[in-house]
Amino acid sequence: MSTQLQSLQTLVVRQRIRMMVNQYEVHAAGPDGSEAGMVAFAQQKRMAFKEQVTLYTDDTKQQPVLGFKARKVMDLGSAYDVTDATGAPIGVFRKDFKRSLLRSTWIVEQPGLPAATGQERSQLVAILRRFAESLSWLPYHFDFVFEADQPAFSVVKKWGLRDRYVVTIHDPRLDRRMVIAMAVGLDALQGR
């Protein structure tokens, strides 16, 4: 992983609107919060038999940076293995299905660090999104924390016509590739 990527504290993830695939651009954030240079580009086939997302350095899709793949085909609490460009493991993230019934909850595990648990910030928005289909567009925000509520990172969905997230990394030990994978996963996998 490049030291430049690891030094980033704020990222912007934006979904591109496409017919047969989900595409995401991941940018470094400028001082004013605008999108600076692209650090990753993701593509996910819709309705794939087994969820898999590959992230590349850019939208030419020539050089992979990382990827994540579901361990099982149809498992509501499936874990997703995150690997680097060579296929070496970086970590794992998974949805806590039981705790997610009323408020989506994800667990991120990176070797050498305690697990970080991310939960929707607003219980009200979580409930509205689940029980009123017409409100599924409401933005959701996740705060990931380590033990004793130490902040790890947050993912904030912004209002707009297309999905756009601001990712703030609070703990410098976090591998930015894990954070990017989880941020893309929140949009790509949230409805599952």
Protein backbone atom coordinates (compact mmCIF):
# COMPACT_ATOMS: atom_id res chain seq x y z
CA MET A 1 0.00 0.00 0.00
CA SER A 2 1.29 3.43 -0.83
CA THR A 3 2.20 5.80 1.99
CA GLN A 4 0.24 8.49 0.14
CA LEU A 5 -2.97 6.44 0.39
CA GLN A 6 -2.28 5.56 4.04
CA SER A 7 -1.81 9.23 4.92
CA LEU A 8 -5.34 10.20 3.81
CA GLN A 9 -7.80 11.10 6.55
CA THR A 10 -10.84 11.94 4.43
CA LEU A 11 -12.17 10.21 1.33
CA VAL A 12 -15.15 10.83 -0.94
CA VAL A 13 -16.95 7.82 -2.44
CA ARG A 14 -19.34 8.52 -5.29
CA GLN A 15 -21.53 6.05 -7.16
CA ARG A 16 -21.78 6.28 -10.94
CA ILE A 17 -25.18 5.53 -12.44
CA ARG A 18 -24.97 2.57 -14.86
CA MET A 19 -27.52 0.05 -16.13
CA MET A 20 -25.90 -3.35 -15.49
CA VAL A 21 -23.16 -2.62 -12.95
CA ASN A 22 -22.58 -0.55 -9.86
CA GLN A 23 -19.52 1.65 -10.21
CA TYR A 24 -17.85 3.72 -7.52
CA GLU A 25 -15.16 6.36 -7.62
CA VAL A 26 -13.07 6.83 -4.48
CA HIS A 27 -11.30 10.19 -4.24
CA ALA A 28 -9.00 11.83 -1.76
CA ALA A 29 -10.80 14.81 -0.26
CA GLY A 30 -9.40 18.29 -0.77
CA PRO A 31 -9.11 20.78 2.10
CA ASP A 32 -12.53 22.19 1.20
CA GLY A 33 -14.14 18.72 1.03
CA SER A 34 -14.14 18.60 -2.76
CA GLU A 35 -13.02 15.54 -4.71
CA ALA A 36 -9.28 15.56 -5.28
CA GLY A 37 -7.44 12.78 -7.13
CA MET A 38 -9.01 9.36 -7.66
CA VAL A 39 -7.46 6.68 -5.44
CA ALA A 40 -9.67 3.75 -6.48
CA PHE A 41 -12.42 2.74 -8.88
CA ALA A 42 -14.80 -0.12 -8.06
CA GLN A 43 -17.14 -2.16 -10.19
CA GLN A 44 -19.76 -4.65 -9.03
CA LYS A 45 -22.01 -6.69 -11.28
CA ARG A 46 -25.64 -6.47 -10.24
CA MET A 47 -27.42 -9.67 -9.29
CA ALA A 48 -24.17 -11.64 -9.15
CA PHE A 49 -24.43 -15.19 -7.81
CA LYS A 50 -21.64 -14.55 -5.29
CA GLU A 51 -20.84 -10.97 -4.31
CA GLN A 52 -17.42 -9.84 -5.48
CA VAL A 53 -16.08 -6.34 -6.00
CA THR A 54 -12.69 -5.43 -7.46
CA LEU A 55 -11.17 -1.99 -6.97
CA TYR A 56 -8.67 -0.60 -9.45
CA THR A 57 -6.40 2.44 -9.51
CA ASP A 58 -8.74 4.12 -12.04
CA ASP A 59 -11.63 3.48 -14.43
CA THR A 60 -9.41 1.90 -17.11
CA LYS A 61 -9.48 -1.17 -14.81
CA GLN A 62 -5.90 -2.09 -15.73
CA GLN A 63 -4.32 -2.25 -12.26
CA PRO A 64 -6.19 -3.80 -9.32
CA VAL A 65 -5.64 -2.32 -5.87
CA LEU A 66 -7.85 -4.52 -3.71
CA GLY A 67 -11.05 -6.50 -3.73
CA PHE A 68 -13.62 -8.12 -1.50
CA LYS A 69 -15.57 -11.30 -1.95
CA ALA A 70 -18.35 -13.05 -0.02
CA ARG A 71 -17.31 -16.30 1.62
CA LYS A 72 -20.72 -17.88 0.96
CA VAL A 73 -23.25 -17.60 -1.83
CA MET A 74 -26.47 -16.86 0.04
CA ASP A 75 -25.83 -16.09 3.69
CA LEU A 76 -27.40 -13.07 5.33
CA GLY A 77 -24.51 -12.76 7.77
CA SER A 78 -21.78 -13.64 5.29
CA ALA A 79 -18.26 -12.43 5.82
CA TYR A 80 -16.40 -10.62 3.05
CA ASP A 81 -12.68 -11.25 2.70
CA VAL A 82 -10.69 -8.18 1.69
CA THR A 83 -7.49 -8.85 -0.26
CA ASP A 84 -4.76 -6.76 -1.85
CA ALA A 85 -3.89 -6.77 -5.56
CA THR A 86 -1.93 -10.03 -5.19
CA GLY A 87 -4.72 -11.80 -3.32
CA ALA A 88 -3.05 -11.55 0.09
CA PRO A 89 -5.55 -11.03 2.93
CA ILE A 90 -5.97 -7.54 4.40
CA GLY A 91 -8.94 -8.23 6.67
CA VAL A 92 -12.61 -9.13 6.87
CA PHE A 93 -15.91 -7.30 7.22
CA ARG A 94 -19.32 -8.77 7.91
CA LYS A 95 -22.85 -7.77 8.69
CA ASP A 96 -24.15 -8.65 12.13
CA PHE A 97 -27.50 -9.95 10.90
CA LYS A 98 -29.22 -10.22 14.28
CA ARG A 99 -28.27 -6.69 15.39
CA SER A 100 -29.10 -5.39 11.89
CA LEU A 101 -32.78 -6.24 12.03
CA LEU A 102 -33.63 -2.77 13.35
CA ARG A 103 -30.33 -0.91 12.87
CA SER A 104 -27.70 -2.05 10.38
CA THR A 105 -24.50 -3.17 12.10
CA TRP A 106 -21.20 -4.12 10.46
CA ILE A 107 -17.99 -5.51 11.96
CA VAL A 108 -14.55 -4.73 10.45
CA GLU A 109 -11.61 -6.90 11.42
CA GLN A 110 -8.03 -5.97 10.56
CA PRO A 111 -5.08 -8.00 11.89
CA GLY A 112 -3.34 -6.27 14.78
CA LEU A 113 -6.34 -4.15 15.75
CA PRO A 114 -9.47 -4.85 17.78
CA ALA A 115 -12.65 -5.30 15.75
CA ALA A 116 -14.45 -2.08 14.84
CA THR A 117 -18.25 -2.12 15.01
CA GLY A 118 -20.20 0.23 12.78
CA GLN A 119 -23.83 1.01 13.33
CA GLU A 120 -26.32 3.36 11.72
CA ARG A 121 -26.17 6.62 13.63
CA SER A 122 -29.91 7.30 13.65
CA GLN A 123 -32.29 4.67 15.00
CA LEU A 124 -35.24 6.63 13.59
CA VAL A 125 -33.83 6.74 10.03
CA ALA A 126 -32.94 3.04 10.28
CA ILE A 127 -36.51 2.12 11.20
CA LEU A 128 -38.08 4.42 8.58
CA ARG A 129 -35.88 2.95 5.83
CA ARG A 130 -36.90 -0.59 6.76
CA PHE A 131 -40.63 -0.16 7.12
CA ALA A 132 -41.47 2.49 4.53
CA GLU A 133 -40.16 1.47 1.11
CA SER A 134 -40.77 4.98 -0.23
CA LEU A 135 -38.22 6.29 2.32
CA SER A 136 -35.38 3.94 1.35
CA TRP A 137 -33.60 6.94 -0.23
CA LEU A 138 -32.99 8.52 3.19
CA PRO A 139 -29.28 9.00 3.81
CA TYR A 140 -27.68 6.81 6.41
CA HIS A 141 -24.56 7.42 8.45
CA PHE A 142 -22.31 4.86 10.11
CA ASP A 143 -19.93 5.39 12.98
CA PHE A 144 -17.33 2.64 13.47
CA VAL A 145 -15.80 2.32 16.91
CA PHE A 146 -13.30 0.05 18.64
CA GLU A 147 -13.75 -1.19 22.20
CA ALA A 148 -14.61 1.48 24.77
CA ASP A 149 -16.17 3.60 22.01
CA GLN A 150 -12.83 4.70 20.54
CA PRO A 151 -13.63 6.23 17.12
CA ALA A 152 -12.25 4.25 14.16
CA PHE A 153 -13.92 5.85 11.10
CA SER A 154 -17.26 7.19 9.92
CA VAL A 155 -19.17 7.03 6.65
CA VAL A 156 -21.69 9.82 6.03
CA LYS A 157 -24.08 9.64 3.08
CA LYS A 158 -24.76 13.07 1.60
CA TRP A 159 -28.04 14.25 0.10
CA GLY A 160 -28.15 14.18 -3.68
CA LEU A 161 -29.41 12.50 -6.83
CA ARG A 162 -26.69 9.87 -6.69
CA ASP A 163 -25.04 8.23 -3.73
CA ARG A 164 -22.10 10.18 -2.34
CA TYR A 165 -20.30 9.47 0.92
CA VAL A 166 -17.72 11.31 2.97
CA VAL A 167 -15.46 8.92 4.85
CA THR A 168 -13.50 10.26 7.81
CA ILE A 169 -10.72 8.11 9.26
CA HIS A 170 -10.12 8.81 12.95
CA ASP A 171 -7.53 6.11 13.74
CA PRO A 172 -4.27 6.30 11.75
CA ARG A 173 -3.60 2.56 12.25
CA LEU A 174 -6.50 1.57 10.00
CA ASP A 175 -5.49 0.24 6.61
CA ARG A 176 -7.15 2.65 4.18
CA ARG A 177 -7.90 -0.25 1.83
CA MET A 178 -10.09 -1.84 4.55
CA VAL A 179 -11.90 1.46 5.06
CA ILE A 180 -12.43 1.86 1.30
CA ALA A 181 -13.74 -1.71 0.99
CA MET A 182 -16.20 -1.17 3.86
CA ALA A 183 -17.38 2.20 2.50
CA VAL A 184 -18.07 0.73 -0.95
CA GLY A 185 -19.61 -2.33 0.69
CA LEU A 186 -22.04 -0.17 2.66
CA ASP A 187 -23.59 1.06 -0.57
CA ALA A 188 -23.22 -2.11 -2.64
CA LEU A 189 -24.38 -4.54 0.07
CA GLN A 190 -26.59 -2.52 2.42
CA GLY A 191 -29.88 -3.81 1.02
CA ARG A 192 -28.91 -7.46 1.40
